[in-house]
Amino acid sequence: MAARALHLTEALVARVERQEAEHPGARGLPYIAEEAFARHAQRLLAEAGEGPVWTFAYGSLIWKPAFKAAEAVPCTLHGWRRSFCIHLESWRGTPEEPGLMLALARGGSCRGMAYRLPETGRAAAMEALLRREIGYEVDLASVRWLTVRGEAGPFRALVFYAAPLDGAIQVDLPLAEQARRIARAAGHVGSCAAYLRNTVQHLEELGIRDRYLWQLQRMVAEEIASLQGWPV
């Protein structure tokens, strides 16, 4: 399946790409203690049991993994779908111009990639994965083992940001409002528009076509093109 050209081009993203000052306390929630990451990594590995340990990638883990995978296979997670539903006032947003983060919401299905953690250094890989994906204690509630289905059949994989999520940050916005936010928001690691483009581009390269993300990137492209007073 040949990759399609995105409406959300690099040139359009460049108009809104920037780095804003970091707002580390924007959520007002306790961080995971430094020494706790290793403990949570060991707990999750114990929950995985015997055999291979997999994690499911549906967004940035696809194009920016936390570890070198021993194996990567396409798979589908049923009962969950991609959704820009997490309110961001840091990372890729600010309190003045909040952004949205991609997560999983109930309903539908989600095609993605499963990455197998290496046999050697598995604990270190799991800890690196946790450090990359979560930072707050409340986020641990969204880390769960779910069943995905690959060509060889079903297997369990660790999934990040699958509901339930903190009601103070989970939002259910109309698609037009999602596009408006993503077109404008940026934080200390960059813009929401760049995140969206990277995700859709890498999914396309893998032959994964998500109709929701494809429509959203087109709407964000139109939104950026219509902005007045932004760099050209």
C-alpha atoms as a PDB file:
ATOM      1  CA  MET A   1       0.000   0.000   0.000  1.00  0.00           C
ATOM      2  CA  ALA A   2       1.662   3.193  -1.183  1.00  0.00           C
ATOM      3  CA  ALA A   3       1.847   6.097   1.263  1.00  0.00           C
ATOM      4  CA  ARG A   4      -0.283   9.100   0.388  1.00  0.00           C
ATOM      5  CA  ALA A   5       0.963  12.670   0.417  1.00  0.00           C
ATOM      6  CA  LEU A   6      -0.212  14.480   3.530  1.00  0.00           C
ATOM      7  CA  HIS A   7      -2.169  17.727   3.428  1.00  0.00           C
ATOM      8  CA  LEU A   8      -0.286  18.693   6.597  1.00  0.00           C
ATOM      9  CA  THR A   9       3.037  19.432   4.922  1.00  0.00           C
ATOM     10  CA  GLU A  10       6.381  20.217   6.541  1.00  0.00           C
ATOM     11  CA  ALA A  11       6.000  23.807   5.331  1.00  0.00           C
ATOM     12  CA  LEU A  12       2.666  24.204   7.102  1.00  0.00           C
ATOM     13  CA  VAL A  13       4.009  22.655  10.309  1.00  0.00           C
ATOM     14  CA  ALA A  14       6.983  25.031  10.144  1.00  0.00           C
ATOM     15  CA  ARG A  15       4.583  27.989  10.432  1.00  0.00           C
ATOM     16  CA  VAL A  16       3.526  26.936  13.943  1.00  0.00           C
ATOM     17  CA  GLU A  17       6.567  24.943  15.097  1.00  0.00           C
ATOM     18  CA  ARG A  18       8.219  26.531  18.121  1.00  0.00           C
ATOM     19  CA  GLN A  19       9.358  25.816  21.666  1.00  0.00           C
ATOM     20  CA  GLU A  20       7.580  27.503  24.542  1.00  0.00           C
ATOM     21  CA  ALA A  21       8.749  27.813  28.135  1.00  0.00           C
ATOM     22  CA  GLU A  22       8.205  24.635  30.154  1.00  0.00           C
ATOM     23  CA  HIS A  23       5.283  24.504  32.581  1.00  0.00           C
ATOM     24  CA  PRO A  24       6.234  21.460  34.697  1.00  0.00           C
ATOM     25  CA  GLY A  25       3.560  22.024  37.324  1.00  0.00           C
ATOM     26  CA  ALA A  26       0.705  22.690  34.945  1.00  0.00           C
ATOM     27  CA  ARG A  27      -1.284  19.602  35.964  1.00  0.00           C
ATOM     28  CA  GLY A  28      -0.714  20.200  39.682  1.00  0.00           C
ATOM     29  CA  LEU A  29      -0.231  16.467  40.276  1.00  0.00           C
ATOM     30  CA  PRO A  30       2.503  14.493  42.052  1.00  0.00           C
ATOM     31  CA  TYR A  31       5.279  13.128  39.864  1.00  0.00           C
ATOM     32  CA  ILE A  32       6.388   9.514  40.009  1.00  0.00           C
ATOM     33  CA  ALA A  33       9.347   9.362  42.379  1.00  0.00           C
ATOM     34  CA  GLU A  34      12.669   8.693  40.689  1.00  0.00           C
ATOM     35  CA  GLU A  35      13.239   5.486  42.635  1.00  0.00           C
ATOM     36  CA  ALA A  36       9.728   4.225  41.844  1.00  0.00           C
ATOM     37  CA  PHE A  37      10.295   3.635  38.119  1.00  0.00           C
ATOM     38  CA  ALA A  38      12.365   0.499  38.696  1.00  0.00           C
ATOM     39  CA  ARG A  39       9.756  -0.842  41.120  1.00  0.00           C
ATOM     40  CA  HIS A  40       6.892  -0.276  38.675  1.00  0.00           C
ATOM     41  CA  ALA A  41       8.939  -1.858  35.881  1.00  0.00           C
ATOM     42  CA  GLN A  42       9.468  -5.008  37.969  1.00  0.00           C
ATOM     43  CA  ARG A  43       5.775  -5.109  38.874  1.00  0.00           C
ATOM     44  CA  LEU A  44       4.708  -4.943  35.231  1.00  0.00           C
ATOM     45  CA  LEU A  45       7.184  -7.633  34.232  1.00  0.00           C
ATOM     46  CA  ALA A  46       5.824  -9.859  36.994  1.00  0.00           C
ATOM     47  CA  GLU A  47       2.301  -9.266  35.678  1.00  0.00           C
ATOM     48  CA  ALA A  48       3.465 -10.244  32.186  1.00  0.00           C
ATOM     49  CA  GLY A  49       4.344 -13.737  33.367  1.00  0.00           C
ATOM     50  CA  GLU A  50       6.429 -16.209  31.400  1.00  0.00           C
ATOM     51  CA  GLY A  51       7.241 -15.780  27.731  1.00  0.00           C
ATOM     52  CA  PRO A  52       7.710 -12.775  25.445  1.00  0.00           C
ATOM     53  CA  VAL A  53       6.828  -9.291  26.723  1.00  0.00           C
ATOM     54  CA  TRP A  54       5.182  -6.940  24.232  1.00  0.00           C
ATOM     55  CA  THR A  55       4.088  -3.316  24.174  1.00  0.00           C
ATOM     56  CA  PHE A  56       1.519  -1.886  21.768  1.00  0.00           C
ATOM     57  CA  ALA A  57       2.480   1.243  19.804  1.00  0.00           C
ATOM     58  CA  TYR A  58      -0.212   3.402  18.219  1.00  0.00           C
ATOM     59  CA  GLY A  59       1.352   6.880  18.233  1.00  0.00           C
ATOM     60  CA  SER A  60       4.791   8.286  18.891  1.00  0.00           C
ATOM     61  CA  LEU A  61       6.207   4.959  20.089  1.00  0.00           C
ATOM     62  CA  ILE A  62       6.049   3.939  16.434  1.00  0.00           C
ATOM     63  CA  TRP A  63       8.387   6.720  15.304  1.00  0.00           C
ATOM     64  CA  LYS A  64      10.321   7.303  18.515  1.00  0.00           C
ATOM     65  CA  PRO A  65      10.650   4.040  20.469  1.00  0.00           C
ATOM     66  CA  ALA A  66      12.105   3.896  23.965  1.00  0.00           C
ATOM     67  CA  PHE A  67      14.195   0.764  23.369  1.00  0.00           C
ATOM     68  CA  LYS A  68      15.565  -1.444  20.603  1.00  0.00           C
ATOM     69  CA  ALA A  69      12.849  -4.007  19.953  1.00  0.00           C
ATOM     70  CA  ALA A  70      13.699  -7.656  19.542  1.00  0.00           C
ATOM     71  CA  GLU A  71      10.770  -8.018  17.132  1.00  0.00           C
ATOM     72  CA  ALA A  72       8.045  -5.827  15.647  1.00  0.00           C
ATOM     73  CA  VAL A  73       4.725  -7.113  14.288  1.00  0.00           C
ATOM     74  CA  PRO A  74       1.595  -5.362  13.001  1.00  0.00           C
ATOM     75  CA  CYS A  75      -1.497  -6.010  15.101  1.00  0.00           C
ATOM     76  CA  THR A  76      -4.953  -4.707  15.973  1.00  0.00           C
ATOM     77  CA  LEU A  77      -6.394  -3.692  19.326  1.00  0.00           C
ATOM     78  CA  HIS A  78     -10.157  -4.179  19.307  1.00  0.00           C
ATOM     79  CA  GLY A  79     -12.484  -2.092  21.451  1.00  0.00           C
ATOM     80  CA  TRP A  80     -10.215   0.960  21.468  1.00  0.00           C
ATOM     81  CA  ARG A  81      -9.536   3.772  18.992  1.00  0.00           C
ATOM     82  CA  ARG A  82      -7.078   6.643  18.647  1.00  0.00           C
ATOM     83  CA  SER A  83      -8.295   9.947  20.057  1.00  0.00           C
ATOM     84  CA  PHE A  84      -6.693  13.304  20.789  1.00  0.00           C
ATOM     85  CA  CYS A  85      -8.432  13.468  24.143  1.00  0.00           C
ATOM     86  CA  ILE A  86      -5.852  14.505  26.766  1.00  0.00           C
ATOM     87  CA  HIS A  87      -5.754  18.206  27.648  1.00  0.00           C
ATOM     88  CA  LEU A  88      -2.166  19.525  27.608  1.00  0.00           C
ATOM     89  CA  GLU A  89      -0.861  22.625  29.344  1.00  0.00           C
ATOM     90  CA  SER A  90       2.761  21.498  29.129  1.00  0.00           C
ATOM     91  CA  TRP A  91       4.893  19.322  26.843  1.00  0.00           C
ATOM     92  CA  ARG A  92       3.097  20.297  23.591  1.00  0.00           C
ATOM     93  CA  GLY A  93       0.896  23.033  24.991  1.00  0.00           C
ATOM     94  CA  THR A  94       0.720  25.884  27.480  1.00  0.00           C
ATOM     95  CA  PRO A  95      -1.965  27.151  29.868  1.00  0.00           C
ATOM     96  CA  GLU A  96      -2.561  30.024  27.435  1.00  0.00           C
ATOM     97  CA  GLU A  97      -2.728  27.810  24.331  1.00  0.00           C
ATOM     98  CA  PRO A  98      -3.506  24.255  25.492  1.00  0.00           C
ATOM     99  CA  GLY A  99      -2.834  21.345  23.201  1.00  0.00           C
ATOM    100  CA  LEU A 100      -4.049  17.768  22.932  1.00  0.00           C
ATOM    101  CA  MET A 101      -2.259  14.453  23.356  1.00  0.00           C
ATOM    102  CA  LEU A 102      -3.103  11.259  21.544  1.00  0.00           C
ATOM    103  CA  ALA A 103      -4.500   8.436  23.684  1.00  0.00           C
ATOM    104  CA  LEU A 104      -6.940   5.553  23.325  1.00  0.00           C
ATOM    105  CA  ALA A 105     -10.687   5.886  23.844  1.00  0.00           C
ATOM    106  CA  ARG A 106     -13.344   3.206  24.091  1.00  0.00           C
ATOM    107  CA  GLY A 107     -14.939   1.890  20.914  1.00  0.00           C
ATOM    108  CA  GLY A 108     -13.859   0.849  17.450  1.00  0.00           C
ATOM    109  CA  SER A 109     -10.447  -0.649  16.782  1.00  0.00           C
ATOM    110  CA  CYS A 110      -6.867   0.504  16.409  1.00  0.00           C
ATOM    111  CA  ARG A 111      -4.227  -0.903  14.080  1.00  0.00           C
ATOM    112  CA  GLY A 112      -0.678  -0.426  15.258  1.00  0.00           C
ATOM    113  CA  MET A 113       2.587  -2.203  15.972  1.00  0.00           C
ATOM    114  CA  ALA A 114       3.597  -4.524  18.801  1.00  0.00           C
ATOM    115  CA  TYR A 115       7.227  -4.356  19.908  1.00  0.00           C
ATOM    116  CA  ARG A 116       8.819  -7.213  21.828  1.00  0.00           C
ATOM    117  CA  LEU A 117      11.125  -6.246  24.659  1.00  0.00           C
ATOM    118  CA  PRO A 118      14.608  -7.797  24.430  1.00  0.00           C
ATOM    119  CA  GLU A 119      15.342 -10.875  26.529  1.00  0.00           C
ATOM    120  CA  THR A 120      18.610  -9.367  27.729  1.00  0.00           C
ATOM    121  CA  GLY A 121      18.117  -6.124  29.596  1.00  0.00           C
ATOM    122  CA  ARG A 122      14.346  -6.521  29.733  1.00  0.00           C
ATOM    123  CA  ALA A 123      13.992  -4.694  33.065  1.00  0.00           C
ATOM    124  CA  ALA A 124      16.022  -1.764  31.751  1.00  0.00           C
ATOM    125  CA  ALA A 125      13.886  -1.648  28.586  1.00  0.00           C
ATOM    126  CA  MET A 126      10.677  -1.654  30.622  1.00  0.00           C
ATOM    127  CA  GLU A 127      11.967   1.122  32.871  1.00  0.00           C
ATOM    128  CA  ALA A 128      12.999   3.193  29.827  1.00  0.00           C
ATOM    129  CA  LEU A 129       9.519   2.661  28.394  1.00  0.00           C
ATOM    130  CA  LEU A 130       7.865   3.876  31.596  1.00  0.00           C
ATOM    131  CA  ARG A 131      10.127   6.907  31.831  1.00  0.00           C
ATOM    132  CA  ARG A 132       9.307   7.839  28.268  1.00  0.00           C
ATOM    133  CA  GLU A 133       5.560   7.389  28.517  1.00  0.00           C
ATOM    134  CA  ILE A 134       4.462   8.539  31.968  1.00  0.00           C
ATOM    135  CA  GLY A 135       5.523  11.092  34.538  1.00  0.00           C
ATOM    136  CA  TYR A 136       2.688  11.409  37.042  1.00  0.00           C
ATOM    137  CA  GLU A 137       1.364   8.922  39.604  1.00  0.00           C
ATOM    138  CA  VAL A 138      -2.153   9.293  38.189  1.00  0.00           C
ATOM    139  CA  ASP A 139      -0.916   8.115  34.772  1.00  0.00           C
ATOM    140  CA  LEU A 140      -0.257   4.631  36.162  1.00  0.00           C
ATOM    141  CA  ALA A 141      -4.015   3.975  36.083  1.00  0.00           C
ATOM    142  CA  SER A 142      -3.909   4.238  32.278  1.00  0.00           C
ATOM    143  CA  VAL A 143      -1.152   1.615  31.880  1.00  0.00           C
ATOM    144  CA  ARG A 144      -2.710  -1.791  31.329  1.00  0.00           C
ATOM    145  CA  TRP A 145      -2.296  -5.188  29.708  1.00  0.00           C
ATOM    146  CA  LEU A 146      -4.702  -5.689  26.815  1.00  0.00           C
ATOM    147  CA  THR A 147      -5.120  -8.377  24.184  1.00  0.00           C
ATOM    148  CA  VAL A 148      -4.062  -7.503  20.645  1.00  0.00           C
ATOM    149  CA  ARG A 149      -4.408  -9.678  17.571  1.00  0.00           C
ATOM    150  CA  GLY A 150      -1.615 -10.284  15.094  1.00  0.00           C
ATOM    151  CA  GLU A 151      -1.312 -12.621  12.114  1.00  0.00           C
ATOM    152  CA  ALA A 152      -0.345 -15.512  14.418  1.00  0.00           C
ATOM    153  CA  GLY A 153      -3.280 -14.916  16.767  1.00  0.00           C
ATOM    154  CA  PRO A 154      -3.995 -13.000  19.992  1.00  0.00           C
ATOM    155  CA  PHE A 155      -1.422 -12.059  22.616  1.00  0.00           C
ATOM    156  CA  ARG A 156      -1.130  -9.631  25.506  1.00  0.00           C
ATOM    157  CA  ALA A 157       0.671  -6.312  25.210  1.00  0.00           C
ATOM    158  CA  LEU A 158       1.275  -3.394  27.519  1.00  0.00           C
ATOM    159  CA  VAL A 159      -0.729  -0.335  26.455  1.00  0.00           C
ATOM    160  CA  PHE A 160      -0.305   3.270  27.597  1.00  0.00           C
ATOM    161  CA  TYR A 161      -3.020   5.882  27.988  1.00  0.00           C
ATOM    162  CA  ALA A 162      -5.996   3.588  27.672  1.00  0.00           C
ATOM    163  CA  ALA A 163      -8.968   4.848  29.757  1.00  0.00           C
ATOM    164  CA  PRO A 164      -9.869   5.352  32.558  1.00  0.00           C
ATOM    165  CA  LEU A 165      -8.010   8.648  32.658  1.00  0.00           C
ATOM    166  CA  ASP A 166      -8.059  11.556  35.084  1.00  0.00           C
ATOM    167  CA  GLY A 167     -11.354  13.355  34.469  1.00  0.00           C
ATOM    168  CA  ALA A 168      -9.620  16.694  34.920  1.00  0.00           C
ATOM    169  CA  ILE A 169      -7.526  16.167  31.793  1.00  0.00           C
ATOM    170  CA  GLN A 170      -9.582  13.868  29.559  1.00  0.00           C
ATOM    171  CA  VAL A 171     -11.702  15.808  27.082  1.00  0.00           C
ATOM    172  CA  ASP A 172     -14.129  14.823  24.346  1.00  0.00           C
ATOM    173  CA  LEU A 173     -13.960  17.651  21.829  1.00  0.00           C
ATOM    174  CA  PRO A 174     -15.599  17.993  18.397  1.00  0.00           C
ATOM    175  CA  LEU A 175     -13.214  17.322  15.532  1.00  0.00           C
ATOM    176  CA  ALA A 176     -13.179  20.996  14.522  1.00  0.00           C
ATOM    177  CA  GLU A 177     -12.044  22.038  18.008  1.00  0.00           C
ATOM    178  CA  GLN A 178      -9.379  19.330  18.029  1.00  0.00           C
ATOM    179  CA  ALA A 179      -8.053  20.718  14.746  1.00  0.00           C
ATOM    180  CA  ARG A 180      -8.133  24.288  16.075  1.00  0.00           C
ATOM    181  CA  ARG A 181      -6.082  23.354  19.140  1.00  0.00           C
ATOM    182  CA  ILE A 182      -3.587  21.155  17.315  1.00  0.00           C
ATOM    183  CA  ALA A 183      -2.993  23.864  14.705  1.00  0.00           C
ATOM    184  CA  ARG A 184      -1.953  26.391  17.363  1.00  0.00           C
ATOM    185  CA  ALA A 185      -0.504  24.606  20.385  1.00  0.00           C
ATOM    186  CA  ALA A 186       3.167  24.074  21.164  1.00  0.00           C
ATOM    187  CA  GLY A 187       5.237  23.541  24.294  1.00  0.00           C
ATOM    188  CA  HIS A 188       8.808  22.969  25.367  1.00  0.00           C
ATOM    189  CA  VAL A 189       9.172  19.884  23.119  1.00  0.00           C
ATOM    190  CA  GLY A 190       7.491  21.360  20.049  1.00  0.00           C
ATOM    191  CA  SER A 191       4.093  21.609  18.405  1.00  0.00           C
ATOM    192  CA  CYS A 192       1.043  19.371  18.346  1.00  0.00           C
ATOM    193  CA  ALA A 193       0.990  19.770  14.559  1.00  0.00           C
ATOM    194  CA  ALA A 194       4.455  18.216  14.253  1.00  0.00           C
ATOM    195  CA  TYR A 195       3.364  15.309  16.444  1.00  0.00           C
ATOM    196  CA  LEU A 196       0.283  14.703  14.298  1.00  0.00           C
ATOM    197  CA  ARG A 197       2.244  14.864  11.051  1.00  0.00           C
ATOM    198  CA  ASN A 198       4.940  12.470  12.302  1.00  0.00           C
ATOM    199  CA  THR A 199       2.365   9.985  13.511  1.00  0.00           C
ATOM    200  CA  VAL A 200       0.263   9.950  10.333  1.00  0.00           C
ATOM    201  CA  GLN A 201       3.331   9.864   8.097  1.00  0.00           C
ATOM    202  CA  HIS A 202       4.833   6.855   9.871  1.00  0.00           C
ATOM    203  CA  LEU A 203       1.504   5.031   9.953  1.00  0.00           C
ATOM    204  CA  GLU A 204       1.177   5.578   6.206  1.00  0.00           C
ATOM    205  CA  GLU A 205       4.673   4.199   5.649  1.00  0.00           C
ATOM    206  CA  LEU A 206       3.610   1.064   7.535  1.00  0.00           C
ATOM    207  CA  GLY A 207       0.442   0.764   5.450  1.00  0.00           C
ATOM    208  CA  ILE A 208      -1.765   1.694   8.425  1.00  0.00           C
ATOM    209  CA  ARG A 209      -4.537   4.096   7.454  1.00  0.00           C
ATOM    210  CA  ASP A 210      -6.511   5.628  10.281  1.00  0.00           C
ATOM    211  CA  ARG A 211      -9.473   7.548   8.848  1.00  0.00           C
ATOM    212  CA  TYR A 212      -9.793   9.708  11.967  1.00  0.00           C
ATOM    213  CA  LEU A 213      -6.165  10.863  11.859  1.00  0.00           C
ATOM    214  CA  TRP A 214      -6.257  11.319   8.087  1.00  0.00           C
ATOM    215  CA  GLN A 215      -9.285  13.616   8.325  1.00  0.00           C
ATOM    216  CA  LEU A 216      -7.767  15.449  11.283  1.00  0.00           C
ATOM    217  CA  GLN A 217      -4.463  16.178   9.534  1.00  0.00           C
ATOM    218  CA  ARG A 218      -6.374  17.628   6.577  1.00  0.00           C
ATOM    219  CA  MET A 219      -8.398  19.862   8.896  1.00  0.00           C
ATOM    220  CA  VAL A 220      -5.285  20.970  10.803  1.00  0.00           C
ATOM    221  CA  ALA A 221      -3.596  21.814   7.491  1.00  0.00           C
ATOM    222  CA  GLU A 222      -6.572  23.961   6.505  1.00  0.00           C
ATOM    223  CA  GLU A 223      -6.594  25.600   9.938  1.00  0.00           C
ATOM    224  CA  ILE A 224      -2.892  26.501   9.783  1.00  0.00           C
ATOM    225  CA  ALA A 225      -3.265  27.816   6.235  1.00  0.00           C
ATOM    226  CA  SER A 226      -6.047  30.130   7.417  1.00  0.00           C
ATOM    227  CA  LEU A 227      -4.157  31.593  10.378  1.00  0.00           C
ATOM    228  CA  GLN A 228      -3.474  35.299  10.060  1.00  0.00           C
ATOM    229  CA  GLY A 229      -0.304  36.905  11.353  1.00  0.00           C
ATOM    230  CA  TRP A 230       1.657  33.657  11.688  1.00  0.00           C
ATOM    231  CA  PRO A 231       5.020  33.080   9.962  1.00  0.00           C
ATOM    232  CA  VAL A 232       4.806  32.053   6.315  1.00  0.00           C
END
